[in-house]
């Protein structure tokens, strides 16, 4: 565990210079001793939402964190990489600061090979919420985080 935290400290220093709006964040569960890593995209021009790639206990998940309210019946996520065709999938909706979580086997590879991701959500009784994510630095942050990802996966 000490090794994971040391590598994460180095990542935070390095990515602060190169990563732009992508930030790694590691956390250890005090009960299970399982370490999770999140690569989080934050854009001050889009304060309504954050996007995160979560690595924990052998799973990779993707989360959209927002304070919008969503209907249980309409939890679709539409996304588009670069100028490709849009894809619509189902997500899971959490509570509190609402988290829409989804799994995809190919999504991580797509994040590494594209320059932009657009996510569209439909808050309850509100217009669509579009989140534009710049992926130009994602692959750099991912590569720097790989030693930690390998240790916790």
C-alpha atoms as a PDB file:
ATOM      1  CA  UNK A   1       0.000   0.000   0.000  1.00  0.00           C
ATOM      2  CA  UNK A   2       2.852   2.357   0.799  1.00  0.00           C
ATOM      3  CA  UNK A   3       4.129   1.797  -2.744  1.00  0.00           C
ATOM      4  CA  UNK A   4       0.743   2.766  -4.243  1.00  0.00           C
ATOM      5  CA  UNK A   5       0.606   5.983  -2.241  1.00  0.00           C
ATOM      6  CA  UNK A   6       4.195   6.879  -3.161  1.00  0.00           C
ATOM      7  CA  UNK A   7       3.481   6.377  -6.858  1.00  0.00           C
ATOM      8  CA  UNK A   8       0.286   8.448  -6.520  1.00  0.00           C
ATOM      9  CA  UNK A   9       2.190  11.301  -4.889  1.00  0.00           C
ATOM     10  CA  UNK A  10       4.616  11.295  -7.821  1.00  0.00           C
ATOM     11  CA  UNK A  11       1.688  11.264 -10.262  1.00  0.00           C
ATOM     12  CA  UNK A  12       0.090  14.280  -8.645  1.00  0.00           C
ATOM     13  CA  UNK A  13       3.315  16.245  -8.976  1.00  0.00           C
ATOM     14  CA  UNK A  14       3.883  15.243 -12.610  1.00  0.00           C
ATOM     15  CA  UNK A  15       0.273  15.578 -13.793  1.00  0.00           C
ATOM     16  CA  UNK A  16       0.000  19.005 -12.249  1.00  0.00           C
ATOM     17  CA  UNK A  17       2.399  20.130 -14.954  1.00  0.00           C
ATOM     18  CA  UNK A  18       1.200  18.069 -17.932  1.00  0.00           C
ATOM     19  CA  UNK A  19      -2.389  16.950 -17.381  1.00  0.00           C
ATOM     20  CA  UNK A  20      -4.400  20.126 -17.825  1.00  0.00           C
ATOM     21  CA  UNK A  21      -7.871  19.351 -16.550  1.00  0.00           C
ATOM     22  CA  UNK A  22      -7.304  15.629 -15.788  1.00  0.00           C
ATOM     23  CA  UNK A  23      -6.385  14.782 -12.196  1.00  0.00           C
ATOM     24  CA  UNK A  24      -5.590  11.412 -10.591  1.00  0.00           C
ATOM     25  CA  UNK A  25      -7.051  10.740  -7.159  1.00  0.00           C
ATOM     26  CA  UNK A  26      -6.350   7.618  -5.093  1.00  0.00           C
ATOM     27  CA  UNK A  27      -8.187   6.542  -1.981  1.00  0.00           C
ATOM     28  CA  UNK A  28      -7.760   3.567   0.328  1.00  0.00           C
ATOM     29  CA  UNK A  29     -10.805   2.023   2.008  1.00  0.00           C
ATOM     30  CA  UNK A  30      -9.947   1.834   5.718  1.00  0.00           C
ATOM     31  CA  UNK A  31     -12.121  -1.253   6.261  1.00  0.00           C
ATOM     32  CA  UNK A  32     -11.214  -3.379   3.223  1.00  0.00           C
ATOM     33  CA  UNK A  33      -7.743  -1.936   2.448  1.00  0.00           C
ATOM     34  CA  UNK A  34      -8.809  -1.746  -1.215  1.00  0.00           C
ATOM     35  CA  UNK A  35      -7.282   1.174  -3.081  1.00  0.00           C
ATOM     36  CA  UNK A  36      -9.284   2.903  -5.778  1.00  0.00           C
ATOM     37  CA  UNK A  37      -7.976   5.297  -8.395  1.00  0.00           C
ATOM     38  CA  UNK A  38     -10.031   7.901 -10.226  1.00  0.00           C
ATOM     39  CA  UNK A  39      -8.895   9.937 -13.200  1.00  0.00           C
ATOM     40  CA  UNK A  40     -11.120  12.996 -12.923  1.00  0.00           C
ATOM     41  CA  UNK A  41     -11.852  15.593 -15.572  1.00  0.00           C
ATOM     42  CA  UNK A  42     -12.742  19.024 -14.212  1.00  0.00           C
ATOM     43  CA  UNK A  43     -13.536  22.034 -16.381  1.00  0.00           C
ATOM     44  CA  UNK A  44     -14.193  25.368 -14.672  1.00  0.00           C
ATOM     45  CA  UNK A  45     -16.199  26.481 -17.708  1.00  0.00           C
ATOM     46  CA  UNK A  46     -18.598  23.571 -17.150  1.00  0.00           C
ATOM     47  CA  UNK A  47     -19.224  23.730 -13.405  1.00  0.00           C
ATOM     48  CA  UNK A  48     -22.382  21.581 -13.532  1.00  0.00           C
ATOM     49  CA  UNK A  49     -20.553  18.268 -13.963  1.00  0.00           C
ATOM     50  CA  UNK A  50     -17.344  16.271 -13.622  1.00  0.00           C
ATOM     51  CA  UNK A  51     -16.363  13.081 -15.436  1.00  0.00           C
ATOM     52  CA  UNK A  52     -14.376  10.285 -13.850  1.00  0.00           C
ATOM     53  CA  UNK A  53     -12.766   6.995 -14.848  1.00  0.00           C
ATOM     54  CA  UNK A  54     -12.751   4.724 -11.781  1.00  0.00           C
ATOM     55  CA  UNK A  55     -10.396   1.776 -11.249  1.00  0.00           C
ATOM     56  CA  UNK A  56     -11.149  -0.411  -8.248  1.00  0.00           C
ATOM     57  CA  UNK A  57     -11.068  -4.070  -7.321  1.00  0.00           C
ATOM     58  CA  UNK A  58     -10.607  -5.275 -10.906  1.00  0.00           C
ATOM     59  CA  UNK A  59     -13.386  -3.077 -12.334  1.00  0.00           C
ATOM     60  CA  UNK A  60     -13.269  -0.021 -14.573  1.00  0.00           C
ATOM     61  CA  UNK A  61     -16.300   2.244 -14.407  1.00  0.00           C
ATOM     62  CA  UNK A  62     -17.156   5.668 -15.727  1.00  0.00           C
ATOM     63  CA  UNK A  63     -19.035   8.271 -13.707  1.00  0.00           C
ATOM     64  CA  UNK A  64     -20.628  11.625 -14.358  1.00  0.00           C
ATOM     65  CA  UNK A  65     -20.938  13.603 -11.131  1.00  0.00           C
ATOM     66  CA  UNK A  66     -23.515  16.376 -11.181  1.00  0.00           C
ATOM     67  CA  UNK A  67     -25.950  18.062  -8.829  1.00  0.00           C
ATOM     68  CA  UNK A  68     -28.834  17.763 -11.311  1.00  0.00           C
ATOM     69  CA  UNK A  69     -31.924  15.657 -10.516  1.00  0.00           C
ATOM     70  CA  UNK A  70     -32.692  12.746 -12.850  1.00  0.00           C
ATOM     71  CA  UNK A  71     -35.802  10.648 -13.344  1.00  0.00           C
ATOM     72  CA  UNK A  72     -35.521   6.936 -12.587  1.00  0.00           C
ATOM     73  CA  UNK A  73     -37.203   6.211 -15.909  1.00  0.00           C
ATOM     74  CA  UNK A  74     -34.853   8.241 -18.120  1.00  0.00           C
ATOM     75  CA  UNK A  75     -31.268   7.416 -17.256  1.00  0.00           C
ATOM     76  CA  UNK A  76     -29.941   7.244 -20.808  1.00  0.00           C
ATOM     77  CA  UNK A  77     -26.507   8.592 -21.600  1.00  0.00           C
ATOM     78  CA  UNK A  78     -25.726   9.598 -25.159  1.00  0.00           C
ATOM     79  CA  UNK A  79     -22.082  10.030 -26.018  1.00  0.00           C
ATOM     80  CA  UNK A  80     -20.052  10.869 -29.073  1.00  0.00           C
ATOM     81  CA  UNK A  81     -16.313  10.641 -29.662  1.00  0.00           C
ATOM     82  CA  UNK A  82     -14.942  13.274 -32.058  1.00  0.00           C
ATOM     83  CA  UNK A  83     -17.231  13.323 -35.127  1.00  0.00           C
ATOM     84  CA  UNK A  84     -18.345   9.673 -34.875  1.00  0.00           C
ATOM     85  CA  UNK A  85     -21.958   8.525 -34.643  1.00  0.00           C
ATOM     86  CA  UNK A  86     -23.628   9.089 -31.242  1.00  0.00           C
ATOM     87  CA  UNK A  87     -24.239   6.056 -29.012  1.00  0.00           C
ATOM     88  CA  UNK A  88     -26.955   5.808 -26.344  1.00  0.00           C
ATOM     89  CA  UNK A  89     -26.583   3.523 -23.322  1.00  0.00           C
ATOM     90  CA  UNK A  90     -28.295   3.048 -19.941  1.00  0.00           C
ATOM     91  CA  UNK A  91     -26.641   4.334 -16.772  1.00  0.00           C
ATOM     92  CA  UNK A  92     -27.226   3.832 -13.044  1.00  0.00           C
ATOM     93  CA  UNK A  93     -28.304   6.828 -11.047  1.00  0.00           C
ATOM     94  CA  UNK A  94     -27.015   7.391  -7.522  1.00  0.00           C
ATOM     95  CA  UNK A  95     -28.161   9.777  -4.823  1.00  0.00           C
ATOM     96  CA  UNK A  96     -26.748  12.876  -3.146  1.00  0.00           C
ATOM     97  CA  UNK A  97     -24.546  14.608  -5.667  1.00  0.00           C
ATOM     98  CA  UNK A  98     -26.074  12.525  -8.412  1.00  0.00           C
ATOM     99  CA  UNK A  99     -23.707  10.110 -10.046  1.00  0.00           C
ATOM    100  CA  UNK A 100     -24.602   8.480 -13.326  1.00  0.00           C
ATOM    101  CA  UNK A 101     -22.386   5.408 -13.651  1.00  0.00           C
ATOM    102  CA  UNK A 102     -21.934   3.113 -16.608  1.00  0.00           C
ATOM    103  CA  UNK A 103     -19.713   0.264 -17.763  1.00  0.00           C
ATOM    104  CA  UNK A 104     -18.314  -0.314 -21.222  1.00  0.00           C
ATOM    105  CA  UNK A 105     -15.601  -2.687 -22.356  1.00  0.00           C
ATOM    106  CA  UNK A 106     -14.428  -0.466 -25.224  1.00  0.00           C
ATOM    107  CA  UNK A 107     -14.971   2.960 -23.680  1.00  0.00           C
ATOM    108  CA  UNK A 108     -11.532   3.145 -22.027  1.00  0.00           C
ATOM    109  CA  UNK A 109      -9.785   2.390 -25.330  1.00  0.00           C
ATOM    110  CA  UNK A 110     -11.916   5.059 -27.007  1.00  0.00           C
ATOM    111  CA  UNK A 111     -10.867   7.612 -24.368  1.00  0.00           C
ATOM    112  CA  UNK A 112      -7.222   6.879 -25.177  1.00  0.00           C
ATOM    113  CA  UNK A 113      -7.580   7.231 -28.951  1.00  0.00           C
ATOM    114  CA  UNK A 114      -9.881  10.243 -29.421  1.00  0.00           C
ATOM    115  CA  UNK A 115      -9.489  13.962 -28.792  1.00  0.00           C
ATOM    116  CA  UNK A 116     -13.004  14.846 -27.605  1.00  0.00           C
ATOM    117  CA  UNK A 117     -15.954  13.238 -25.845  1.00  0.00           C
ATOM    118  CA  UNK A 118     -19.408  14.764 -25.632  1.00  0.00           C
ATOM    119  CA  UNK A 119     -21.813  13.350 -23.042  1.00  0.00           C
ATOM    120  CA  UNK A 120     -25.524  14.167 -23.032  1.00  0.00           C
ATOM    121  CA  UNK A 121     -27.813  13.618 -20.045  1.00  0.00           C
ATOM    122  CA  UNK A 122     -31.449  14.559 -19.536  1.00  0.00           C
ATOM    123  CA  UNK A 123     -32.138  16.055 -16.092  1.00  0.00           C
ATOM    124  CA  UNK A 124     -35.725  15.843 -14.881  1.00  0.00           C
ATOM    125  CA  UNK A 125     -37.888  18.638 -16.376  1.00  0.00           C
ATOM    126  CA  UNK A 126     -34.777  20.440 -17.638  1.00  0.00           C
ATOM    127  CA  UNK A 127     -33.114  20.832 -21.045  1.00  0.00           C
ATOM    128  CA  UNK A 128     -30.395  18.390 -22.014  1.00  0.00           C
ATOM    129  CA  UNK A 129     -27.094  18.695 -20.168  1.00  0.00           C
ATOM    130  CA  UNK A 130     -24.157  18.412 -22.586  1.00  0.00           C
ATOM    131  CA  UNK A 131     -20.698  17.881 -21.136  1.00  0.00           C
ATOM    132  CA  UNK A 132     -17.722  18.403 -23.442  1.00  0.00           C
ATOM    133  CA  UNK A 133     -14.545  16.619 -22.374  1.00  0.00           C
ATOM    134  CA  UNK A 134     -11.137  17.371 -23.812  1.00  0.00           C
ATOM    135  CA  UNK A 135      -9.256  14.081 -24.146  1.00  0.00           C
ATOM    136  CA  UNK A 136      -5.957  15.431 -25.470  1.00  0.00           C
ATOM    137  CA  UNK A 137      -4.168  14.809 -22.147  1.00  0.00           C
ATOM    138  CA  UNK A 138      -6.091  11.744 -21.021  1.00  0.00           C
ATOM    139  CA  UNK A 139      -3.664   9.250 -22.540  1.00  0.00           C
ATOM    140  CA  UNK A 140      -0.696  10.964 -20.841  1.00  0.00           C
ATOM    141  CA  UNK A 141      -2.387  10.842 -17.438  1.00  0.00           C
ATOM    142  CA  UNK A 142      -3.470   7.244 -18.011  1.00  0.00           C
ATOM    143  CA  UNK A 143       0.064   6.158 -18.954  1.00  0.00           C
ATOM    144  CA  UNK A 144       1.496   7.876 -15.860  1.00  0.00           C
ATOM    145  CA  UNK A 145      -1.176   6.156 -13.739  1.00  0.00           C
ATOM    146  CA  UNK A 146      -0.653   2.661 -15.185  1.00  0.00           C
ATOM    147  CA  UNK A 147       1.718   1.491 -12.419  1.00  0.00           C
ATOM    148  CA  UNK A 148      -0.971   2.283  -9.845  1.00  0.00           C
ATOM    149  CA  UNK A 149      -3.756   0.791 -11.975  1.00  0.00           C
ATOM    150  CA  UNK A 150      -1.772  -2.438 -12.330  1.00  0.00           C
ATOM    151  CA  UNK A 151      -1.212  -2.615  -8.564  1.00  0.00           C
ATOM    152  CA  UNK A 152      -4.890  -2.162  -7.687  1.00  0.00           C
ATOM    153  CA  UNK A 153      -6.483  -4.161 -10.517  1.00  0.00           C
END
